[in-house]
PDB file of all heavy atoms in Angstrom:
ATOM      1  N   LYS A   1     102.356 126.237 114.950  1.00  0.00           N
ATOM      2  CA  LYS A   1     102.058 125.178 115.895  1.00  0.00           C
ATOM      3  C   LYS A   1     101.583 123.891 115.155  1.00  0.00           C
ATOM      4  O   LYS A   1     100.747 123.146 115.672  1.00  0.00           O
ATOM      5  CB  LYS A   1     100.970 125.614 116.922  1.00  0.00           C
ATOM      6  CG  LYS A   1     101.304 126.902 117.615  1.00  0.00           C
ATOM      7  CD  LYS A   1     102.665 126.865 118.258  1.00  0.00           C
ATOM      8  CE  LYS A   1     102.992 128.197 118.945  1.00  0.00           C
ATOM      9  NZ  LYS A   1     104.386 128.209 119.550  1.00  0.00           N
ATOM     10  N   THR A   2     102.177 123.672 114.011  1.00  0.00           N
ATOM     11  CA  THR A   2     101.914 122.434 113.261  1.00  0.00           C
ATOM     12  C   THR A   2     103.260 121.682 113.104  1.00  0.00           C
ATOM     13  O   THR A   2     104.330 122.300 113.181  1.00  0.00           O
ATOM     14  CB  THR A   2     101.320 122.705 111.880  1.00  0.00           C
ATOM     15  OG1 THR A   2     102.211 123.587 111.158  1.00  0.00           O
ATOM     16  CG2 THR A   2      99.991 123.402 112.047  1.00  0.00           C
ATOM     17  N   PRO A   3     103.216 120.382 112.860  1.00  0.00           N
ATOM     18  CA  PRO A   3     104.479 119.632 112.689  1.00  0.00           C
ATOM     19  C   PRO A   3     105.054 119.851 111.297  1.00  0.00           C
ATOM     20  O   PRO A   3     104.403 119.692 110.282  1.00  0.00           O
ATOM     21  CB  PRO A   3     104.031 118.180 112.856  1.00  0.00           C
ATOM     22  CG  PRO A   3     102.561 118.147 112.476  1.00  0.00           C
ATOM     23  CD  PRO A   3     102.039 119.492 112.860  1.00  0.00           C
ATOM     24  N   LYS A   4     106.317 120.248 111.251  1.00  0.00           N
ATOM     25  CA  LYS A   4     107.050 120.444 109.969  1.00  0.00           C
ATOM     26  C   LYS A   4     108.183 119.418 109.904  1.00  0.00           C
ATOM     27  O   LYS A   4     109.051 119.366 110.799  1.00  0.00           O
ATOM     28  CB  LYS A   4     107.652 121.864 109.913  1.00  0.00           C
ATOM     29  CG  LYS A   4     108.454 122.067 108.649  1.00  0.00           C
ATOM     30  CD  LYS A   4     108.945 123.484 108.512  1.00  0.00           C
ATOM     31  CE  LYS A   4     109.848 123.631 107.254  1.00  0.00           C
ATOM     32  NZ  LYS A   4     109.115 123.276 106.019  1.00  0.00           N
ATOM     33  N   GLU A   5     108.164 118.628 108.888  1.00  0.00           N
ATOM     34  CA  GLU A   5     109.217 117.587 108.722  1.00  0.00           C
ATOM     35  C   GLU A   5     110.549 118.220 108.319  1.00  0.00           C
ATOM     36  O   GLU A   5     110.620 119.086 107.403  1.00  0.00           O
ATOM     37  CB  GLU A   5     108.760 116.568 107.700  1.00  0.00           C
ATOM     38  CG  GLU A   5     109.812 115.432 107.522  1.00  0.00           C
ATOM     39  CD  GLU A   5     109.320 114.359 106.581  1.00  0.00           C
ATOM     40  OE1 GLU A   5     108.138 113.984 106.624  1.00  0.00           O
ATOM     41  OE2 GLU A   5     110.155 113.912 105.754  1.00  0.00           O
ATOM     42  N   LEU A   6     111.600 117.784 108.982  1.00  0.00           N
ATOM     43  CA  LEU A   6     112.958 118.288 108.674  1.00  0.00           C
ATOM     44  C   LEU A   6     113.840 117.253 108.012  1.00  0.00           C
ATOM     45  O   LEU A   6     114.767 117.600 107.261  1.00  0.00           O
ATOM     46  CB  LEU A   6     113.623 118.730 109.982  1.00  0.00           C
ATOM     47  CG  LEU A   6     112.931 119.833 110.793  1.00  0.00           C
ATOM     48  CD1 LEU A   6     113.688 120.109 112.066  1.00  0.00           C
ATOM     49  CD2 LEU A   6     112.777 121.111 109.988  1.00  0.00           C
ATOM     50  N   LEU A   7     113.558 115.975 108.288  1.00  0.00           N
ATOM     51  CA  LEU A   7     114.504 114.909 107.830  1.00  0.00           C
ATOM     52  C   LEU A   7     113.755 113.569 107.924  1.00  0.00           C
ATOM     53  O   LEU A   7     112.875 113.440 108.784  1.00  0.00           O
ATOM     54  CB  LEU A   7     115.746 114.912 108.752  1.00  0.00           C
ATOM     55  CG  LEU A   7     116.836 113.874 108.516  1.00  0.00           C
ATOM     56  CD1 LEU A   7     117.571 114.201 107.212  1.00  0.00           C
ATOM     57  CD2 LEU A   7     117.819 113.876 109.684  1.00  0.00           C
ATOM     58  N   ALA A   8     114.155 112.627 107.096  1.00  0.00           N
ATOM     59  CA  ALA A   8     113.631 111.263 107.179  1.00  0.00           C
ATOM     60  C   ALA A   8     114.774 110.273 106.930  1.00  0.00           C
ATOM     61  O   ALA A   8     115.522 110.418 105.961  1.00  0.00           O
ATOM     62  CB  ALA A   8     112.493 111.038 106.210  1.00  0.00           C
ATOM     63  N   LEU A   9     114.937 109.301 107.816  1.00  0.00           N
ATOM     64  CA  LEU A   9     115.952 108.299 107.703  1.00  0.00           C
ATOM     65  C   LEU A   9     115.299 106.922 107.641  1.00  0.00           C
ATOM     66  O   LEU A   9     114.434 106.585 108.457  1.00  0.00           O
ATOM     67  CB  LEU A   9     116.920 108.343 108.910  1.00  0.00           C
ATOM     68  CG  LEU A   9     117.689 109.654 109.116  1.00  0.00           C
ATOM     69  CD1 LEU A   9     118.546 109.538 110.349  1.00  0.00           C
ATOM     70  CD2 LEU A   9     118.514 109.996 107.896  1.00  0.00           C
ATOM     71  N   ARG A  10     115.708 106.094 106.665  1.00  0.00           N
ATOM     72  CA  ARG A  10     115.070 104.833 106.414  1.00  0.00           C
ATOM     73  C   ARG A  10     115.463 103.763 107.401  1.00  0.00           C
ATOM     74  O   ARG A  10     116.680 103.650 107.740  1.00  0.00           O
ATOM     75  CB  ARG A  10     115.332 104.359 105.018  1.00  0.00           C
ATOM     76  CG  ARG A  10     114.584 103.080 104.608  1.00  0.00           C
ATOM     77  CD  ARG A  10     114.782 102.700 103.155  1.00  0.00           C
ATOM     78  NE  ARG A  10     114.064 101.482 102.810  1.00  0.00           N
ATOM     79  CZ  ARG A  10     112.804 101.374 102.497  1.00  0.00           C
ATOM     80  NH1 ARG A  10     112.074 102.484 102.433  1.00  0.00           N
ATOM     81  NH2 ARG A  10     112.199 100.214 102.221  1.00  0.00           N
ATOM     82  N   LYS A  11     114.492 102.928 107.850  1.00  0.00           N
ATOM     83  CA  LYS A  11     114.800 101.804 108.690  1.00  0.00           C
ATOM     84  C   LYS A  11     115.750 100.822 107.967  1.00  0.00           C
ATOM     85  O   LYS A  11     115.605 100.614 106.780  1.00  0.00           O
ATOM     86  CB  LYS A  11     113.462 101.103 109.031  1.00  0.00           C
ATOM     87  CG  LYS A  11     113.557  99.739 109.732  1.00  0.00           C
ATOM     88  CD  LYS A  11     114.007  99.913 111.179  1.00  0.00           C
ATOM     89  CE  LYS A  11     113.988  98.516 111.864  1.00  0.00           C
ATOM     90  NZ  LYS A  11     115.141  97.701 111.478  1.00  0.00           N
ATOM     91  N   ASP A  12     116.669 100.228 108.734  1.00  0.00           N
ATOM     92  CA  ASP A  12     117.566  99.259 108.153  1.00  0.00           C
ATOM     93  C   ASP A  12     116.756  97.943 107.917  1.00  0.00           C
ATOM     94  O   ASP A  12     115.577  97.835 108.275  1.00  0.00           O
ATOM     95  CB  ASP A  12     118.836  99.008 108.941  1.00  0.00           C
ATOM     96  CG  ASP A  12     118.551  98.507 110.380  1.00  0.00           C
ATOM     97  OD1 ASP A  12     117.512  97.916 110.578  1.00  0.00           O
ATOM     98  OD2 ASP A  12     119.430  98.684 111.211  1.00  0.00           O
ATOM     99  N   ARG A  13     117.413  96.916 107.378  1.00  0.00           N
ATOM    100  CA  ARG A  13     116.724  95.689 106.944  1.00  0.00           C
ATOM    101  C   ARG A  13     116.438  94.682 108.103  1.00  0.00           C
ATOM    102  O   ARG A  13     115.756  93.699 107.922  1.00  0.00           O
ATOM    103  CB  ARG A  13     117.524  94.961 105.843  1.00  0.00           C
ATOM    104  CG  ARG A  13     117.514  95.752 104.518  1.00  0.00           C
ATOM    105  CD  ARG A  13     118.266  95.030 103.408  1.00  0.00           C
ATOM    106  NE  ARG A  13     118.123  95.663 102.153  1.00  0.00           N
ATOM    107  CZ  ARG A  13     117.113  95.436 101.323  1.00  0.00           C
ATOM    108  NH1 ARG A  13     116.152  94.592 101.639  1.00  0.00           N
ATOM    109  NH2 ARG A  13     117.040  96.074 100.167  1.00  0.00           N
ATOM    110  N   LEU A  14     117.017  94.897 109.247  1.00  0.00           N
ATOM    111  CA  LEU A  14     116.872  93.933 110.336  1.00  0.00           C
ATOM    112  C   LEU A  14     115.513  93.998 110.934  1.00  0.00           C
ATOM    113  O   LEU A  14     114.833  95.032 110.946  1.00  0.00           O
ATOM    114  CB  LEU A  14     117.953  94.216 111.391  1.00  0.00           C
ATOM    115  CG  LEU A  14     119.399  93.994 110.949  1.00  0.00           C
ATOM    116  CD1 LEU A  14     120.369  94.484 111.993  1.00  0.00           C
ATOM    117  CD2 LEU A  14     119.634  92.508 110.618  1.00  0.00           C
ATOM    118  N   PRO A  15     114.995  92.862 111.497  1.00  0.00           N
ATOM    119  CA  PRO A  15     113.630  92.843 112.077  1.00  0.00           C
ATOM    120  C   PRO A  15     113.450  93.939 113.131  1.00  0.00           C
ATOM    121  O   PRO A  15     114.333  94.175 113.912  1.00  0.00           O
ATOM    122  CB  PRO A  15     113.551  91.428 112.658  1.00  0.00           C
ATOM    123  CG  PRO A  15     114.498  90.601 111.864  1.00  0.00           C
ATOM    124  CD  PRO A  15     115.647  91.561 111.496  1.00  0.00           C
ATOM    125  N   MET A  16     112.267  94.492 113.129  1.00  0.00           N
ATOM    126  CA  MET A  16     112.006  95.686 113.944  1.00  0.00           C
ATOM    127  C   MET A  16     112.064  95.422 115.417  1.00  0.00           C
ATOM    128  O   MET A  16     112.693  96.170 116.164  1.00  0.00           O
ATOM    129  CB  MET A  16     110.634  96.301 113.536  1.00  0.00           C
ATOM    130  CG  MET A  16     110.612  96.888 112.168  1.00  0.00           C
ATOM    131  SD  MET A  16     108.922  97.380 111.661  1.00  0.00           S
ATOM    132  CE  MET A  16     108.237  95.802 111.142  1.00  0.00           C
ATOM    133  N   TRP A  17     111.399  94.390 115.876  1.00  0.00           N
ATOM    134  CA  TRP A  17     111.401  94.140 117.342  1.00  0.00           C
ATOM    135  C   TRP A  17     112.732  93.550 117.784  1.00  0.00           C
ATOM    136  O   TRP A  17     113.308  93.997 118.775  1.00  0.00           O
ATOM    137  CB  TRP A  17     110.289  93.217 117.739  1.00  0.00           C
ATOM    138  CG  TRP A  17     110.172  93.045 119.221  1.00  0.00           C
ATOM    139  CD1 TRP A  17     109.429  93.819 120.109  1.00  0.00           C
ATOM    140  CD2 TRP A  17     110.858  92.068 120.022  1.00  0.00           C
ATOM    141  NE1 TRP A  17     109.672  93.406 121.389  1.00  0.00           N
ATOM    142  CE2 TRP A  17     110.540  92.318 121.370  1.00  0.00           C
ATOM    143  CE3 TRP A  17     111.739  91.046 119.741  1.00  0.00           C
ATOM    144  CZ2 TRP A  17     111.012  91.582 122.427  1.00  0.00           C
ATOM    145  CZ3 TRP A  17     112.246  90.271 120.806  1.00  0.00           C
ATOM    146  CH2 TRP A  17     111.867  90.528 122.114  1.00  0.00           C
ATOM    147  N   LEU A  18     113.240  92.563 117.083  1.00  0.00           N
ATOM    148  CA  LEU A  18     114.440  91.847 117.515  1.00  0.00           C
ATOM    149  C   LEU A  18     115.633  92.812 117.602  1.00  0.00           C
ATOM    150  O   LEU A  18     116.421  92.743 118.571  1.00  0.00           O
ATOM    151  CB  LEU A  18     114.765  90.701 116.546  1.00  0.00           C
ATOM    152  CG  LEU A  18     113.963  89.457 116.682  1.00  0.00           C
ATOM    153  CD1 LEU A  18     114.368  88.434 115.647  1.00  0.00           C
ATOM    154  CD2 LEU A  18     114.054  88.838 118.064  1.00  0.00           C
ATOM    155  N   PHE A  19     115.791  93.666 116.610  1.00  0.00           N
ATOM    156  CA  PHE A  19     117.005  94.485 116.550  1.00  0.00           C
ATOM    157  C   PHE A  19     116.717  95.992 116.705  1.00  0.00           C
ATOM    158  O   PHE A  19     117.408  96.821 116.196  1.00  0.00           O
ATOM    159  CB  PHE A  19     117.773  94.242 115.232  1.00  0.00           C
ATOM    160  CG  PHE A  19     118.384  92.854 115.195  1.00  0.00           C
ATOM    161  CD1 PHE A  19     117.753  91.808 114.563  1.00  0.00           C
ATOM    162  CD2 PHE A  19     119.601  92.600 115.813  1.00  0.00           C
ATOM    163  CE1 PHE A  19     118.303  90.539 114.543  1.00  0.00           C
ATOM    164  CE2 PHE A  19     120.156  91.343 115.771  1.00  0.00           C
ATOM    165  CZ  PHE A  19     119.523  90.294 115.129  1.00  0.00           C
ATOM    166  N   GLN A  20     115.635  96.272 117.428  1.00  0.00           N
ATOM    167  CA  GLN A  20     115.238  97.596 117.820  1.00  0.00           C
ATOM    168  C   GLN A  20     114.428  98.320 116.723  1.00  0.00           C
ATOM    169  O   GLN A  20     114.718  98.193 115.543  1.00  0.00           O
ATOM    170  CB  GLN A  20     116.426  98.470 118.246  1.00  0.00           C
ATOM    171  CG  GLN A  20     117.187  97.900 119.422  1.00  0.00           C
ATOM    172  CD  GLN A  20     118.320  98.793 119.923  1.00  0.00           C
ATOM    173  OE1 GLN A  20     118.610  99.836 119.325  1.00  0.00           O
ATOM    174  NE2 GLN A  20     118.958  98.395 120.981  1.00  0.00           N
ATOM    175  N   PHE A  21     113.452  99.038 117.221  1.00  0.00           N
ATOM    176  CA  PHE A  21     112.631  99.862 116.276  1.00  0.00           C
ATOM    177  C   PHE A  21     113.525 100.908 115.594  1.00  0.00           C
ATOM    178  O   PHE A  21     114.517 101.380 116.170  1.00  0.00           O
ATOM    179  CB  PHE A  21     111.541 100.633 117.057  1.00  0.00           C
ATOM    180  CG  PHE A  21     110.537  99.773 117.744  1.00  0.00           C
ATOM    181  CD1 PHE A  21     109.733 100.285 118.761  1.00  0.00           C
ATOM    182  CD2 PHE A  21     110.379  98.424 117.421  1.00  0.00           C
ATOM    183  CE1 PHE A  21     108.773  99.515 119.381  1.00  0.00           C
ATOM    184  CE2 PHE A  21     109.441  97.633 118.042  1.00  0.00           C
ATOM    185  CZ  PHE A  21     108.649  98.201 119.070  1.00  0.00           C
ATOM    186  N   GLY A  22     113.141 101.288 114.406  1.00  0.00           N
ATOM    187  CA  GLY A  22     113.874 102.343 113.706  1.00  0.00           C
ATOM    188  C   GLY A  22     113.406 103.717 114.162  1.00  0.00           C
ATOM    189  O   GLY A  22     112.230 104.026 114.047  1.00  0.00           O
ATOM    190  N   THR A  23     114.328 104.515 114.636  1.00  0.00           N
ATOM    191  CA  THR A  23     113.936 105.864 115.082  1.00  0.00           C
ATOM    192  C   THR A  23     115.136 106.775 115.196  1.00  0.00           C
ATOM    193  O   THR A  23     116.286 106.360 115.037  1.00  0.00           O
ATOM    194  CB  THR A  23     113.193 105.768 116.448  1.00  0.00           C
ATOM    195  OG1 THR A  23     112.577 107.007 116.754  1.00  0.00           O
ATOM    196  CG2 THR A  23     114.131 105.364 117.565  1.00  0.00           C
ATOM    197  N   ILE A  24     114.870 107.987 115.499  1.00  0.00           N
ATOM    198  CA  ILE A  24     115.875 109.020 115.794  1.00  0.00           C
ATOM    199  C   ILE A  24     115.751 109.430 117.257  1.00  0.00           C
ATOM    200  O   ILE A  24     114.665 109.731 117.715  1.00  0.00           O
ATOM    201  CB  ILE A  24     115.684 110.293 114.890  1.00  0.00           C
ATOM    202  CG1 ILE A  24     115.910 109.905 113.420  1.00  0.00           C
ATOM    203  CG2 ILE A  24     116.575 111.429 115.331  1.00  0.00           C
ATOM    204  CD1 ILE A  24     115.429 110.996 112.468  1.00  0.00           C
ATOM    205  N   THR A  25     116.850 109.340 117.980  1.00  0.00           N
ATOM    206  CA  THR A  25     116.854 109.718 119.393  1.00  0.00           C
ATOM    207  C   THR A  25     117.650 111.008 119.625  1.00  0.00           C
ATOM    208  O   THR A  25     118.310 111.466 118.688  1.00  0.00           O
ATOM    209  CB  THR A  25     117.416 108.590 120.286  1.00  0.00           C
ATOM    210  OG1 THR A  25     118.777 108.445 120.010  1.00  0.00           O
ATOM    211  CG2 THR A  25     116.711 107.300 119.998  1.00  0.00           C
ATOM    212  N   PHE A  26     117.529 111.527 120.805  1.00  0.00           N
ATOM    213  CA  PHE A  26     118.166 112.840 121.120  1.00  0.00           C
ATOM    214  C   PHE A  26     119.011 112.719 122.383  1.00  0.00           C
ATOM    215  O   PHE A  26     118.468 112.309 123.434  1.00  0.00           O
ATOM    216  CB  PHE A  26     117.095 113.906 121.321  1.00  0.00           C
ATOM    217  CG  PHE A  26     116.153 114.060 120.170  1.00  0.00           C
ATOM    218  CD1 PHE A  26     115.017 113.259 120.070  1.00  0.00           C
ATOM    219  CD2 PHE A  26     116.374 115.003 119.207  1.00  0.00           C
ATOM    220  CE1 PHE A  26     114.180 113.368 118.995  1.00  0.00           C
ATOM    221  CE2 PHE A  26     115.489 115.138 118.136  1.00  0.00           C
ATOM    222  CZ  PHE A  26     114.389 114.346 118.007  1.00  0.00           C
ATOM    223  N   PRO A  27     120.306 112.993 122.337  1.00  0.00           N
ATOM    224  CA  PRO A  27     121.086 112.996 123.567  1.00  0.00           C
ATOM    225  C   PRO A  27     120.622 114.150 124.498  1.00  0.00           C
ATOM    226  O   PRO A  27     120.086 115.154 124.040  1.00  0.00           O
ATOM    227  CB  PRO A  27     122.496 113.228 123.081  1.00  0.00           C
ATOM    228  CG  PRO A  27     122.388 113.923 121.803  1.00  0.00           C
ATOM    229  CD  PRO A  27     121.095 113.428 121.168  1.00  0.00           C
ATOM    230  N   TYR A  28     120.856 113.966 125.819  1.00  0.00           N
ATOM    231  CA  TYR A  28     120.640 115.110 126.746  1.00  0.00           C
ATOM    232  C   TYR A  28     121.652 116.154 126.355  1.00  0.00           C
ATOM    233  O   TYR A  28     122.848 115.879 126.231  1.00  0.00           O
ATOM    234  CB  TYR A  28     120.868 114.645 128.163  1.00  0.00           C
ATOM    235  CG  TYR A  28     120.548 115.698 129.193  1.00  0.00           C
ATOM    236  CD1 TYR A  28     119.277 115.786 129.691  1.00  0.00           C
ATOM    237  CD2 TYR A  28     121.473 116.631 129.556  1.00  0.00           C
ATOM    238  CE1 TYR A  28     118.913 116.752 130.634  1.00  0.00           C
ATOM    239  CE2 TYR A  28     121.168 117.620 130.499  1.00  0.00           C
ATOM    240  CZ  TYR A  28     119.892 117.716 131.012  1.00  0.00           C
ATOM    241  OH  TYR A  28     119.564 118.695 131.896  1.00  0.00           O
ATOM    242  N   ASN A  29     121.192 117.405 126.144  1.00  0.00           N
ATOM    243  CA  ASN A  29     122.020 118.384 125.470  1.00  0.00           C
ATOM    244  C   ASN A  29     121.805 119.745 126.112  1.00  0.00           C
ATOM    245  O   ASN A  29     120.698 120.279 126.085  1.00  0.00           O
ATOM    246  CB  ASN A  29     121.665 118.412 124.004  1.00  0.00           C
ATOM    247  CG  ASN A  29     122.495 119.402 123.222  1.00  0.00           C
ATOM    248  OD1 ASN A  29     123.436 120.004 123.704  1.00  0.00           O
ATOM    249  ND2 ASN A  29     122.063 119.689 122.007  1.00  0.00           N
ATOM    250  N   THR A  30     122.859 120.346 126.712  1.00  0.00           N
ATOM    251  CA  THR A  30     122.778 121.668 127.272  1.00  0.00           C
ATOM    252  C   THR A  30     123.450 122.738 126.428  1.00  0.00           C
ATOM    253  O   THR A  30     123.618 123.883 126.851  1.00  0.00           O
ATOM    254  CB  THR A  30     123.369 121.694 128.685  1.00  0.00           C
ATOM    255  OG1 THR A  30     124.786 121.351 128.599  1.00  0.00           O
ATOM    256  CG2 THR A  30     122.673 120.709 129.614  1.00  0.00           C
ATOM    257  N   THR A  31     123.887 122.382 125.214  1.00  0.00           N
ATOM    258  CA  THR A  31     124.541 123.364 124.309  1.00  0.00           C
ATOM    259  C   THR A  31     123.521 123.946 123.375  1.00  0.00           C
ATOM    260  O   THR A  31     122.325 123.647 123.400  1.00  0.00           O
ATOM    261  CB  THR A  31     125.653 122.642 123.510  1.00  0.00           C
ATOM    262  OG1 THR A  31     125.053 121.837 122.469  1.00  0.00           O
ATOM    263  CG2 THR A  31     126.535 121.769 124.400  1.00  0.00           C
ATOM    264  N   ASN A  32     123.987 124.843 122.484  1.00  0.00           N
ATOM    265  CA  ASN A  32     123.121 125.494 121.516  1.00  0.00           C
ATOM    266  C   ASN A  32     123.058 124.687 120.191  1.00  0.00           C
ATOM    267  O   ASN A  32     122.372 125.123 119.272  1.00  0.00           O
ATOM    268  CB  ASN A  32     123.652 126.902 121.233  1.00  0.00           C
ATOM    269  CG  ASN A  32     123.489 127.807 122.417  1.00  0.00           C
ATOM    270  OD1 ASN A  32     122.491 127.762 123.138  1.00  0.00           O
ATOM    271  ND2 ASN A  32     124.466 128.683 122.629  1.00  0.00           N
ATOM    272  N   ASP A  33     123.837 123.622 120.067  1.00  0.00           N
ATOM    273  CA  ASP A  33     123.778 122.806 118.862  1.00  0.00           C
ATOM    274  C   ASP A  33     122.675 121.743 118.946  1.00  0.00           C
ATOM    275  O   ASP A  33     122.145 121.430 120.006  1.00  0.00           O
ATOM    276  CB  ASP A  33     125.133 122.127 118.653  1.00  0.00           C
ATOM    277  CG  ASP A  33     126.271 123.134 118.365  1.00  0.00           C
ATOM    278  OD1 ASP A  33     126.026 124.043 117.530  1.00  0.00           O
ATOM    279  OD2 ASP A  33     127.345 123.048 118.987  1.00  0.00           O
ATOM    280  N   ILE A  34     122.332 121.223 117.739  1.00  0.00           N
ATOM    281  CA  ILE A  34     121.306 120.199 117.671  1.00  0.00           C
ATOM    282  C   ILE A  34     121.960 118.907 117.249  1.00  0.00           C
ATOM    283  O   ILE A  34     122.624 118.804 116.217  1.00  0.00           O
ATOM    284  CB  ILE A  34     120.216 120.561 116.659  1.00  0.00           C
ATOM    285  CG1 ILE A  34     119.501 121.868 117.096  1.00  0.00           C
ATOM    286  CG2 ILE A  34     119.204 119.417 116.480  1.00  0.00           C
ATOM    287  CD1 ILE A  34     118.512 122.384 116.099  1.00  0.00           C
ATOM    288  N   PHE A  35     121.756 117.862 118.080  1.00  0.00           N
ATOM    289  CA  PHE A  35     122.323 116.514 117.754  1.00  0.00           C
ATOM    290  C   PHE A  35     121.172 115.520 117.703  1.00  0.00           C
ATOM    291  O   PHE A  35     120.223 115.580 118.514  1.00  0.00           O
ATOM    292  CB  PHE A  35     123.308 116.113 118.858  1.00  0.00           C
ATOM    293  CG  PHE A  35     124.441 117.067 119.044  1.00  0.00           C
ATOM    294  CD1 PHE A  35     124.460 117.989 120.053  1.00  0.00           C
ATOM    295  CD2 PHE A  35     125.554 117.030 118.160  1.00  0.00           C
ATOM    296  CE1 PHE A  35     125.505 118.874 120.229  1.00  0.00           C
ATOM    297  CE2 PHE A  35     126.596 117.935 118.343  1.00  0.00           C
ATOM    298  CZ  PHE A  35     126.591 118.826 119.361  1.00  0.00           C
ATOM    299  N   ILE A  36     121.304 114.565 116.824  1.00  0.00           N
ATOM    300  CA  ILE A  36     120.392 113.401 116.771  1.00  0.00           C
ATOM    301  C   ILE A  36     121.191 112.157 116.660  1.00  0.00           C
ATOM    302  O   ILE A  36     122.295 112.135 116.109  1.00  0.00           O
ATOM    303  CB  ILE A  36     119.381 113.518 115.608  1.00  0.00           C
ATOM    304  CG1 ILE A  36     120.101 113.634 114.270  1.00  0.00           C
ATOM    305  CG2 ILE A  36     118.450 114.724 115.804  1.00  0.00           C
ATOM    306  CD1 ILE A  36     119.181 113.638 113.018  1.00  0.00           C
TER     307      ILE A  36
END
């Protein structure tokens, strides 16, 4: 029940607010595969 890091992706060079925060999102997913 602790957070375990699996992956890290670096923010691109564009300004954070203007061109969106850097993050990983998740599609709505009803399959057994994992997508990011």
